[in-house]
Amino acid sequence: MRRIAAVTALVVLTTFGGALAAVGGGDVVLKNKGGDTLFSHSLHVDGAGLECTACHDKLYLSKGQHKKVTMKEMQKGKSCGACHNGKTAFSVKGDCAKCHKK
């Protein structure tokens, strides 16, 4: 009986394991005067290999609790600027169209 339960658990984890590891949060659109910004959880987690804890809850708690920051504040390391500093990731200075879409 234990062997059947173990095999069943293995089949379930093998079959549905990918779904359990799916990135939560999805895409988040942040409304801005300079053009909306699309934040992709998948791009940051799957693409850049970041753990959720890299941002949550150090920089961000949730979309509803997110505090708006200015570009000047980001350039000083707040919000996105904590990583997008030109060293860890591309800088928030310069090419606005990388993030802001009209």
PDB file of N, CA and C in Angstrom:
ATOM      1  N   MET A   1       0.816  -1.190   0.000  1.00  0.00           N
ATOM      2  CA  MET A   1       0.000   0.000   0.000  1.00  0.00           C
ATOM      3  C   MET A   1       0.868   1.266   0.000  1.00  0.00           C
ATOM      4  N   ARG A   2       1.934   1.262   0.793  1.00  0.00           N
ATOM      5  CA  ARG A   2       2.824   2.417   0.843  1.00  0.00           C
ATOM      6  C   ARG A   2       3.511   2.632  -0.504  1.00  0.00           C
ATOM      7  N   ARG A   3       3.846   1.531  -1.161  1.00  0.00           N
ATOM      8  CA  ARG A   3       4.513   1.619  -2.451  1.00  0.00           C
ATOM      9  C   ARG A   3       3.594   2.283  -3.486  1.00  0.00           C
ATOM     10  N   ILE A   4       2.318   1.939  -3.463  1.00  0.00           N
ATOM     11  CA  ILE A   4       1.356   2.533  -4.395  1.00  0.00           C
ATOM     12  C   ILE A   4       1.218   4.029  -4.124  1.00  0.00           C
ATOM     13  N   ALA A   5       1.156   4.401  -2.852  1.00  0.00           N
ATOM     14  CA  ALA A   5       1.046   5.812  -2.498  1.00  0.00           C
ATOM     15  C   ALA A   5       2.293   6.581  -2.929  1.00  0.00           C
ATOM     16  N   ALA A   6       3.464   5.988  -2.758  1.00  0.00           N
ATOM     17  CA  ALA A   6       4.710   6.646  -3.151  1.00  0.00           C
ATOM     18  C   ALA A   6       4.784   6.814  -4.666  1.00  0.00           C
ATOM     19  N   VAL A   7       4.399   5.797  -5.407  1.00  0.00           N
ATOM     20  CA  VAL A   7       4.409   5.870  -6.873  1.00  0.00           C
ATOM     21  C   VAL A   7       3.395   6.904  -7.352  1.00  0.00           C
ATOM     22  N   THR A   8       2.221   6.921  -6.743  1.00  0.00           N
ATOM     23  CA  THR A   8       1.190   7.906  -7.106  1.00  0.00           C
ATOM     24  C   THR A   8       1.703   9.322  -6.860  1.00  0.00           C
ATOM     25  N   ALA A   9       2.319   9.557  -5.707  1.00  0.00           N
ATOM     26  CA  ALA A   9       2.857  10.878  -5.382  1.00  0.00           C
ATOM     27  C   ALA A   9       3.939  11.281  -6.387  1.00  0.00           C
ATOM     28  N   LEU A  10       4.781  10.334  -6.767  1.00  0.00           N
ATOM     29  CA  LEU A  10       5.837  10.611  -7.733  1.00  0.00           C
ATOM     30  C   LEU A  10       5.258  10.986  -9.096  1.00  0.00           C
ATOM     31  N   VAL A  11       4.235  10.274  -9.531  1.00  0.00           N
ATOM     32  CA  VAL A  11       3.584  10.567 -10.809  1.00  0.00           C
ATOM     33  C   VAL A  11       2.930  11.945 -10.773  1.00  0.00           C
ATOM     34  N   VAL A  12       2.255  12.256  -9.690  1.00  0.00           N
ATOM     35  CA  VAL A  12       1.593  13.559  -9.560  1.00  0.00           C
ATOM     36  C   VAL A  12       2.622  14.682  -9.578  1.00  0.00           C
ATOM     37  N   LEU A  13       3.701  14.552  -8.818  1.00  0.00           N
ATOM     38  CA  LEU A  13       4.724  15.599  -8.784  1.00  0.00           C
ATOM     39  C   LEU A  13       5.432  15.747 -10.123  1.00  0.00           C
ATOM     40  N   THR A  14       5.686  14.630 -10.791  1.00  0.00           N
ATOM     41  CA  THR A  14       6.338  14.683 -12.099  1.00  0.00           C
ATOM     42  C   THR A  14       5.431  15.329 -13.131  1.00  0.00           C
ATOM     43  N   THR A  15       4.151  14.999 -13.091  1.00  0.00           N
ATOM     44  CA  THR A  15       3.203  15.512 -14.073  1.00  0.00           C
ATOM     45  C   THR A  15       2.837  16.969 -13.823  1.00  0.00           C
ATOM     46  N   PHE A  16       2.587  17.317 -12.571  1.00  0.00           N
ATOM     47  CA  PHE A  16       2.089  18.650 -12.248  1.00  0.00           C
ATOM     48  C   PHE A  16       3.108  19.535 -11.544  1.00  0.00           C
ATOM     49  N   GLY A  17       4.327  19.096 -11.403  1.00  0.00           N
ATOM     50  CA  GLY A  17       5.366  19.859 -10.709  1.00  0.00           C
ATOM     51  C   GLY A  17       5.610  21.217 -11.328  1.00  0.00           C
ATOM     52  N   GLY A  18       5.583  21.276 -12.664  1.00  0.00           N
ATOM     53  CA  GLY A  18       5.783  22.544 -13.359  1.00  0.00           C
ATOM     54  C   GLY A  18       4.726  23.568 -13.001  1.00  0.00           C
ATOM     55  N   ALA A  19       3.495  23.122 -12.850  1.00  0.00           N
ATOM     56  CA  ALA A  19       2.409  24.031 -12.481  1.00  0.00           C
ATOM     57  C   ALA A  19       2.610  24.568 -11.074  1.00  0.00           C
ATOM     58  N   LEU A  20       3.156  23.745 -10.193  1.00  0.00           N
ATOM     59  CA  LEU A  20       3.397  24.195  -8.826  1.00  0.00           C
ATOM     60  C   LEU A  20       4.518  25.234  -8.769  1.00  0.00           C
ATOM     61  N   ALA A  21       5.437  25.173  -9.743  1.00  0.00           N
ATOM     62  CA  ALA A  21       6.568  26.092  -9.753  1.00  0.00           C
ATOM     63  C   ALA A  21       6.300  27.343 -10.586  1.00  0.00           C
ATOM     64  N   ALA A  22       5.081  27.519 -11.048  1.00  0.00           N
ATOM     65  CA  ALA A  22       4.744  28.669 -11.894  1.00  0.00           C
ATOM     66  C   ALA A  22       4.977  29.975 -11.143  1.00  0.00           C
ATOM     67  N   VAL A  23       5.376  30.980 -11.890  1.00  0.00           N
ATOM     68  CA  VAL A  23       5.645  32.292 -11.300  1.00  0.00           C
ATOM     69  C   VAL A  23       4.333  32.964 -10.946  1.00  0.00           C
ATOM     70  N   GLY A  24       4.218  33.401  -9.711  1.00  0.00           N
ATOM     71  CA  GLY A  24       3.015  34.116  -9.281  1.00  0.00           C
ATOM     72  C   GLY A  24       3.118  35.581  -9.617  1.00  0.00           C
ATOM     73  N   GLY A  25       2.016  36.273  -9.523  1.00  0.00           N
ATOM     74  CA  GLY A  25       2.033  37.715  -9.734  1.00  0.00           C
ATOM     75  C   GLY A  25       1.699  38.160 -11.128  1.00  0.00           C
ATOM     76  N   GLY A  26       2.129  37.418 -12.126  1.00  0.00           N
ATOM     77  CA  GLY A  26       1.856  37.794 -13.512  1.00  0.00           C
ATOM     78  C   GLY A  26       2.434  39.148 -13.862  1.00  0.00           C
ATOM     79  N   ASP A  27       1.908  39.735 -14.904  1.00  0.00           N
ATOM     80  CA  ASP A  27       2.341  41.066 -15.321  1.00  0.00           C
ATOM     81  C   ASP A  27       1.576  42.121 -14.536  1.00  0.00           C
ATOM     82  N   VAL A  28       2.277  43.179 -14.166  1.00  0.00           N
ATOM     83  CA  VAL A  28       1.678  44.274 -13.410  1.00  0.00           C
ATOM     84  C   VAL A  28       1.884  45.557 -14.206  1.00  0.00           C
ATOM     85  N   VAL A  29       0.802  46.279 -14.469  1.00  0.00           N
ATOM     86  CA  VAL A  29       0.895  47.560 -15.166  1.00  0.00           C
ATOM     87  C   VAL A  29       0.864  48.673 -14.126  1.00  0.00           C
ATOM     88  N   LEU A  30       1.916  49.482 -14.148  1.00  0.00           N
ATOM     89  CA  LEU A  30       2.005  50.619 -13.244  1.00  0.00           C
ATOM     90  C   LEU A  30       1.720  51.872 -14.064  1.00  0.00           C
ATOM     91  N   LYS A  31       0.705  52.618 -13.653  1.00  0.00           N
ATOM     92  CA  LYS A  31       0.288  53.830 -14.366  1.00  0.00           C
ATOM     93  C   LYS A  31       1.217  54.987 -14.010  1.00  0.00           C
ATOM     94  N   ASN A  32       1.751  55.640 -15.037  1.00  0.00           N
ATOM     95  CA  ASN A  32       2.678  56.755 -14.839  1.00  0.00           C
ATOM     96  C   ASN A  32       2.379  57.871 -15.819  1.00  0.00           C
ATOM     97  N   LYS A  33       2.692  59.103 -15.421  1.00  0.00           N
ATOM     98  CA  LYS A  33       2.532  60.250 -16.317  1.00  0.00           C
ATOM     99  C   LYS A  33       3.431  60.112 -17.538  1.00  0.00           C
ATOM    100  N   GLY A  34       4.617  59.591 -17.348  1.00  0.00           N
ATOM    101  CA  GLY A  34       5.593  59.455 -18.431  1.00  0.00           C
ATOM    102  C   GLY A  34       5.351  58.253 -19.317  1.00  0.00           C
ATOM    103  N   GLY A  35       4.260  57.540 -19.111  1.00  0.00           N
ATOM    104  CA  GLY A  35       3.945  56.333 -19.873  1.00  0.00           C
ATOM    105  C   GLY A  35       3.871  55.142 -18.942  1.00  0.00           C
ATOM    106  N   ASP A  36       2.884  54.300 -19.165  1.00  0.00           N
ATOM    107  CA  ASP A  36       2.704  53.130 -18.305  1.00  0.00           C
ATOM    108  C   ASP A  36       3.925  52.221 -18.358  1.00  0.00           C
ATOM    109  N   THR A  37       4.184  51.545 -17.254  1.00  0.00           N
ATOM    110  CA  THR A  37       5.287  50.604 -17.155  1.00  0.00           C
ATOM    111  C   THR A  37       4.718  49.218 -16.935  1.00  0.00           C
ATOM    112  N   LEU A  38       5.153  48.262 -17.730  1.00  0.00           N
ATOM    113  CA  LEU A  38       4.735  46.873 -17.566  1.00  0.00           C
ATOM    114  C   LEU A  38       5.827  46.153 -16.802  1.00  0.00           C
ATOM    115  N   PHE A  39       5.503  45.643 -15.624  1.00  0.00           N
ATOM    116  CA  PHE A  39       6.445  44.845 -14.855  1.00  0.00           C
ATOM    117  C   PHE A  39       6.099  43.381 -15.066  1.00  0.00           C
ATOM    118  N   SER A  40       7.039  42.617 -15.555  1.00  0.00           N
ATOM    119  CA  SER A  40       6.839  41.192 -15.799  1.00  0.00           C
ATOM    120  C   SER A  40       7.532  40.372 -14.710  1.00  0.00           C
ATOM    121  N   HIS A  41       6.727  39.681 -13.900  1.00  0.00           N
ATOM    122  CA  HIS A  41       7.315  38.784 -12.900  1.00  0.00           C
ATOM    123  C   HIS A  41       8.124  37.693 -13.592  1.00  0.00           C
ATOM    124  N   SER A  42       7.592  37.150 -14.686  1.00  0.00           N
ATOM    125  CA  SER A  42       8.266  36.077 -15.397  1.00  0.00           C
ATOM    126  C   SER A  42       9.644  36.499 -15.891  1.00  0.00           C
ATOM    127  N   LEU A  43       9.750  37.692 -16.447  1.00  0.00           N
ATOM    128  CA  LEU A  43      11.024  38.193 -16.943  1.00  0.00           C
ATOM    129  C   LEU A  43      12.052  38.288 -15.817  1.00  0.00           C
ATOM    130  N   HIS A  44      11.627  38.708 -14.649  1.00  0.00           N
ATOM    131  CA  HIS A  44      12.545  38.867 -13.529  1.00  0.00           C
ATOM    132  C   HIS A  44      12.860  37.535 -12.836  1.00  0.00           C
ATOM    133  N   VAL A  45      11.860  36.664 -12.703  1.00  0.00           N
ATOM    134  CA  VAL A  45      12.080  35.392 -12.007  1.00  0.00           C
ATOM    135  C   VAL A  45      12.675  34.355 -12.944  1.00  0.00           C
ATOM    136  N   ASP A  46      12.016  34.088 -14.060  1.00  0.00           N
ATOM    137  CA  ASP A  46      12.517  33.089 -15.006  1.00  0.00           C
ATOM    138  C   ASP A  46      13.710  33.623 -15.793  1.00  0.00           C
ATOM    139  N   GLY A  47      13.572  34.843 -16.314  1.00  0.00           N
ATOM    140  CA  GLY A  47      14.609  35.411 -17.167  1.00  0.00           C
ATOM    141  C   GLY A  47      15.880  35.780 -16.430  1.00  0.00           C
ATOM    142  N   ALA A  48      15.754  36.475 -15.309  1.00  0.00           N
ATOM    143  CA  ALA A  48      16.925  36.933 -14.558  1.00  0.00           C
ATOM    144  C   ALA A  48      17.310  35.980 -13.432  1.00  0.00           C
ATOM    145  N   GLY A  49      16.463  34.989 -13.158  1.00  0.00           N
ATOM    146  CA  GLY A  49      16.771  34.010 -12.126  1.00  0.00           C
ATOM    147  C   GLY A  49      16.643  34.521 -10.706  1.00  0.00           C
ATOM    148  N   LEU A  50      15.832  35.565 -10.514  1.00  0.00           N
ATOM    149  CA  LEU A  50      15.653  36.111  -9.168  1.00  0.00           C
ATOM    150  C   LEU A  50      14.645  35.302  -8.363  1.00  0.00           C
ATOM    151  N   GLU A  51      14.873  35.215  -7.090  1.00  0.00           N
ATOM    152  CA  GLU A  51      13.903  34.621  -6.171  1.00  0.00           C
ATOM    153  C   GLU A  51      12.877  35.685  -5.821  1.00  0.00           C
ATOM    154  N   CYS A  52      11.682  35.275  -5.471  1.00  0.00           N
ATOM    155  CA  CYS A  52      10.641  36.229  -5.072  1.00  0.00           C
ATOM    156  C   CYS A  52      11.123  37.120  -3.927  1.00  0.00           C
ATOM    157  N   THR A  53      11.915  36.534  -3.019  1.00  0.00           N
ATOM    158  CA  THR A  53      12.380  37.261  -1.845  1.00  0.00           C
ATOM    159  C   THR A  53      13.412  38.338  -2.179  1.00  0.00           C
ATOM    160  N   ALA A  54      13.908  38.382  -3.424  1.00  0.00           N
ATOM    161  CA  ALA A  54      14.829  39.448  -3.812  1.00  0.00           C
ATOM    162  C   ALA A  54      14.127  40.805  -3.747  1.00  0.00           C
ATOM    163  N   CYS A  55      12.824  40.807  -4.003  1.00  0.00           N
ATOM    164  CA  CYS A  55      12.044  42.059  -3.971  1.00  0.00           C
ATOM    165  C   CYS A  55      10.979  42.065  -2.882  1.00  0.00           C
ATOM    166  N   HIS A  56      10.367  40.935  -2.648  1.00  0.00           N
ATOM    167  CA  HIS A  56       9.298  40.852  -1.649  1.00  0.00           C
ATOM    168  C   HIS A  56       9.879  40.317  -0.352  1.00  0.00           C
ATOM    169  N   ASP A  57       9.755  40.872   0.739  1.00  0.00           N
ATOM    170  CA  ASP A  57       9.114  42.117   0.999  1.00  0.00           C
ATOM    171  C   ASP A  57      10.095  43.209   1.396  1.00  0.00           C
ATOM    172  N   LYS A  58      11.247  43.174   0.761  1.00  0.00           N
ATOM    173  CA  LYS A  58      12.245  44.221   0.992  1.00  0.00           C
ATOM    174  C   LYS A  58      11.867  45.502   0.258  1.00  0.00           C
ATOM    175  N   LEU A  59      11.628  45.384  -1.050  1.00  0.00           N
ATOM    176  CA  LEU A  59      11.311  46.557  -1.865  1.00  0.00           C
ATOM    177  C   LEU A  59       9.811  46.748  -2.037  1.00  0.00           C
ATOM    178  N   TYR A  60       9.098  45.645  -2.173  1.00  0.00           N
ATOM    179  CA  TYR A  60       7.662  45.705  -2.468  1.00  0.00           C
ATOM    180  C   TYR A  60       6.923  44.717  -1.596  1.00  0.00           C
ATOM    181  N   LEU A  61       5.746  45.107  -1.145  1.00  0.00           N
ATOM    182  CA  LEU A  61       4.886  44.185  -0.412  1.00  0.00           C
ATOM    183  C   LEU A  61       3.852  43.607  -1.358  1.00  0.00           C
ATOM    184  N   SER A  62       3.111  44.465  -2.020  1.00  0.00           N
ATOM    185  CA  SER A  62       2.098  44.056  -2.992  1.00  0.00           C
ATOM    186  C   SER A  62       1.784  45.256  -3.866  1.00  0.00           C
ATOM    187  N   LYS A  63       1.068  45.024  -4.952  1.00  0.00           N
ATOM    188  CA  LYS A  63       0.701  46.122  -5.842  1.00  0.00           C
ATOM    189  C   LYS A  63      -0.111  47.176  -5.083  1.00  0.00           C
ATOM    190  N   GLY A  64      -1.024  46.740  -4.241  1.00  0.00           N
ATOM    191  CA  GLY A  64      -1.865  47.662  -3.480  1.00  0.00           C
ATOM    192  C   GLY A  64      -1.101  48.477  -2.450  1.00  0.00           C
ATOM    193  N   GLN A  65       0.014  47.939  -1.956  1.00  0.00           N
ATOM    194  CA  GLN A  65       0.793  48.633  -0.939  1.00  0.00           C
ATOM    195  C   GLN A  65       1.997  49.370  -1.529  1.00  0.00           C
ATOM    196  N   HIS A  66       2.189  49.244  -2.842  1.00  0.00           N
ATOM    197  CA  HIS A  66       3.334  49.877  -3.498  1.00  0.00           C
ATOM    198  C   HIS A  66       3.227  51.398  -3.423  1.00  0.00           C
ATOM    199  N   LYS A  67       4.297  52.021  -3.001  1.00  0.00           N
ATOM    200  CA  LYS A  67       4.349  53.479  -2.921  1.00  0.00           C
ATOM    201  C   LYS A  67       4.962  54.013  -4.209  1.00  0.00           C
ATOM    202  N   LYS A  68       4.329  55.020  -4.803  1.00  0.00           N
ATOM    203  CA  LYS A  68       4.877  55.632  -6.006  1.00  0.00           C
ATOM    204  C   LYS A  68       6.155  56.372  -5.648  1.00  0.00           C
ATOM    205  N   VAL A  69       7.131  56.254  -6.527  1.00  0.00           N
ATOM    206  CA  VAL A  69       8.384  56.971  -6.341  1.00  0.00           C
ATOM    207  C   VAL A  69       8.703  57.718  -7.627  1.00  0.00           C
ATOM    208  N   THR A  70       9.455  58.774  -7.503  1.00  0.00           N
ATOM    209  CA  THR A  70       9.844  59.558  -8.669  1.00  0.00           C
ATOM    210  C   THR A  70      11.075  58.925  -9.321  1.00  0.00           C
ATOM    211  N   MET A  71      11.348  59.336 -10.545  1.00  0.00           N
ATOM    212  CA  MET A  71      12.549  58.862 -11.221  1.00  0.00           C
ATOM    213  C   MET A  71      13.793  59.324 -10.459  1.00  0.00           C
ATOM    214  N   LYS A  72      13.733  60.493  -9.890  1.00  0.00           N
ATOM    215  CA  LYS A  72      14.860  61.017  -9.099  1.00  0.00           C
ATOM    216  C   LYS A  72      15.135  60.087  -7.909  1.00  0.00           C
ATOM    217  N   GLU A  73      14.060  59.625  -7.249  1.00  0.00           N
ATOM    218  CA  GLU A  73      14.220  58.699  -6.122  1.00  0.00           C
ATOM    219  C   GLU A  73      14.773  57.351  -6.599  1.00  0.00           C
ATOM    220  N   MET A  74      14.307  56.887  -7.756  1.00  0.00           N
ATOM    221  CA  MET A  74      14.828  55.632  -8.303  1.00  0.00           C
ATOM    222  C   MET A  74      16.315  55.740  -8.606  1.00  0.00           C
ATOM    223  N   GLN A  75      16.731  56.899  -9.116  1.00  0.00           N
ATOM    224  CA  GLN A  75      18.141  57.106  -9.416  1.00  0.00           C
ATOM    225  C   GLN A  75      18.999  57.089  -8.155  1.00  0.00           C
ATOM    226  N   LYS A  76      18.356  57.266  -7.015  1.00  0.00           N
ATOM    227  CA  LYS A  76      19.049  57.203  -5.723  1.00  0.00           C
ATOM    228  C   LYS A  76      18.889  55.829  -5.066  1.00  0.00           C
ATOM    229  N   GLY A  77      18.343  54.850  -5.818  1.00  0.00           N
ATOM    230  CA  GLY A  77      18.273  53.484  -5.306  1.00  0.00           C
ATOM    231  C   GLY A  77      16.948  53.041  -4.740  1.00  0.00           C
ATOM    232  N   LYS A  78      15.930  53.854  -4.840  1.00  0.00           N
ATOM    233  CA  LYS A  78      14.603  53.449  -4.356  1.00  0.00           C
ATOM    234  C   LYS A  78      13.913  52.591  -5.412  1.00  0.00           C
ATOM    235  N   SER A  79      12.997  51.756  -4.988  1.00  0.00           N
ATOM    236  CA  SER A  79      12.137  50.975  -5.872  1.00  0.00           C
ATOM    237  C   SER A  79      12.973  50.236  -6.919  1.00  0.00           C
ATOM    238  N   CYS A  80      12.619  50.366  -8.183  1.00  0.00           N
ATOM    239  CA  CYS A  80      13.316  49.670  -9.279  1.00  0.00           C
ATOM    240  C   CYS A  80      14.801  50.013  -9.300  1.00  0.00           C
ATOM    241  N   GLY A  81      15.127  51.229  -8.874  1.00  0.00           N
ATOM    242  CA  GLY A  81      16.507  51.694  -8.881  1.00  0.00           C
ATOM    243  C   GLY A  81      17.423  50.931  -7.937  1.00  0.00           C
ATOM    244  N   ALA A  82      16.869  50.122  -7.051  1.00  0.00           N
ATOM    245  CA  ALA A  82      17.699  49.306  -6.162  1.00  0.00           C
ATOM    246  C   ALA A  82      18.551  48.327  -6.974  1.00  0.00           C
ATOM    247  N   CYS A  83      18.002  47.816  -8.049  1.00  0.00           N
ATOM    248  CA  CYS A  83      18.750  46.903  -8.929  1.00  0.00           C
ATOM    249  C   CYS A  83      19.094  47.547 -10.267  1.00  0.00           C
ATOM    250  N   HIS A  84      18.191  48.382 -10.757  1.00  0.00           N
ATOM    251  CA  HIS A  84      18.418  49.026 -12.056  1.00  0.00           C
ATOM    252  C   HIS A  84      19.277  50.272 -11.856  1.00  0.00           C
ATOM    253  N   ASN A  85      20.551  49.990 -11.530  1.00  0.00           N
ATOM    254  CA  ASN A  85      21.518  51.028 -11.177  1.00  0.00           C
ATOM    255  C   ASN A  85      22.682  51.101 -12.164  1.00  0.00           C
ATOM    256  N   GLY A  86      22.608  50.324 -13.244  1.00  0.00           N
ATOM    257  CA  GLY A  86      23.692  50.290 -14.214  1.00  0.00           C
ATOM    258  C   GLY A  86      24.755  49.256 -13.889  1.00  0.00           C
ATOM    259  N   LYS A  87      24.672  48.635 -12.712  1.00  0.00           N
ATOM    260  CA  LYS A  87      25.630  47.601 -12.311  1.00  0.00           C
ATOM    261  C   LYS A  87      24.949  46.238 -12.242  1.00  0.00           C
ATOM    262  N   THR A  88      23.914  46.156 -11.409  1.00  0.00           N
ATOM    263  CA  THR A  88      23.171  44.903 -11.275  1.00  0.00           C
ATOM    264  C   THR A  88      22.317  44.666 -12.515  1.00  0.00           C
ATOM    265  N   ALA A  89      21.668  45.704 -12.988  1.00  0.00           N
ATOM    266  CA  ALA A  89      20.824  45.657 -14.197  1.00  0.00           C
ATOM    267  C   ALA A  89      20.909  47.026 -14.866  1.00  0.00           C
ATOM    268  N   PHE A  90      20.363  47.129 -16.081  1.00  0.00           N
ATOM    269  CA  PHE A  90      20.439  48.400 -16.792  1.00  0.00           C
ATOM    270  C   PHE A  90      19.900  49.532 -15.913  1.00  0.00           C
ATOM    271  N   SER A  91      20.438  50.712 -16.109  1.00  0.00           N
ATOM    272  CA  SER A  91      20.114  51.866 -15.271  1.00  0.00           C
ATOM    273  C   SER A  91      18.735  52.448 -15.589  1.00  0.00           C
ATOM    274  N   VAL A  92      18.114  53.019 -14.572  1.00  0.00           N
ATOM    275  CA  VAL A  92      16.843  53.735 -14.775  1.00  0.00           C
ATOM    276  C   VAL A  92      17.085  55.062 -15.475  1.00  0.00           C
ATOM    277  N   LYS A  93      18.327  55.494 -15.551  1.00  0.00           N
ATOM    278  CA  LYS A  93      18.679  56.738 -16.260  1.00  0.00           C
ATOM    279  C   LYS A  93      18.791  56.431 -17.749  1.00  0.00           C
ATOM    280  N   GLY A  94      18.367  57.381 -18.561  1.00  0.00           N
ATOM    281  CA  GLY A  94      18.623  57.243 -19.992  1.00  0.00           C
ATOM    282  C   GLY A  94      17.437  56.827 -20.836  1.00  0.00           C
ATOM    283  N   ASP A  95      17.459  55.602 -21.308  1.00  0.00           N
ATOM    284  CA  ASP A  95      16.484  55.113 -22.292  1.00  0.00           C
ATOM    285  C   ASP A  95      15.126  54.843 -21.647  1.00  0.00           C
ATOM    286  N   CYS A  96      14.294  55.875 -21.583  1.00  0.00           N
ATOM    287  CA  CYS A  96      12.977  55.779 -20.929  1.00  0.00           C
ATOM    288  C   CYS A  96      12.083  54.711 -21.564  1.00  0.00           C
ATOM    289  N   ALA A  97      12.214  54.529 -22.883  1.00  0.00           N
ATOM    290  CA  ALA A  97      11.341  53.602 -23.618  1.00  0.00           C
ATOM    291  C   ALA A  97      11.564  52.139 -23.222  1.00  0.00           C
ATOM    292  N   LYS A  98      12.658  51.830 -22.528  1.00  0.00           N
ATOM    293  CA  LYS A  98      12.865  50.455 -22.058  1.00  0.00           C
ATOM    294  C   LYS A  98      11.758  50.034 -21.100  1.00  0.00           C
ATOM    295  N   CYS A  99      11.259  50.986 -20.336  1.00  0.00           N
ATOM    296  CA  CYS A  99      10.246  50.681 -19.324  1.00  0.00           C
ATOM    297  C   CYS A  99       8.914  51.369 -19.576  1.00  0.00           C
ATOM    298  N   HIS A 100       8.967  52.612 -20.036  1.00  0.00           N
ATOM    299  CA  HIS A 100       7.740  53.406 -20.202  1.00  0.00           C
ATOM    300  C   HIS A 100       7.210  53.294 -21.628  1.00  0.00           C
ATOM    301  N   LYS A 101       5.953  52.895 -21.726  1.00  0.00           N
ATOM    302  CA  LYS A 101       5.275  52.771 -23.025  1.00  0.00           C
ATOM    303  C   LYS A 101       4.187  53.816 -23.091  1.00  0.00           C
ATOM    304  N   LYS A 102       4.151  54.561 -24.158  1.00  0.00           N
ATOM    305  CA  LYS A 102       3.123  55.610 -24.342  1.00  0.00           C
ATOM    306  C   LYS A 102       1.835  54.981 -24.809  1.00  0.00           C
TER     307      LYS A 102
END
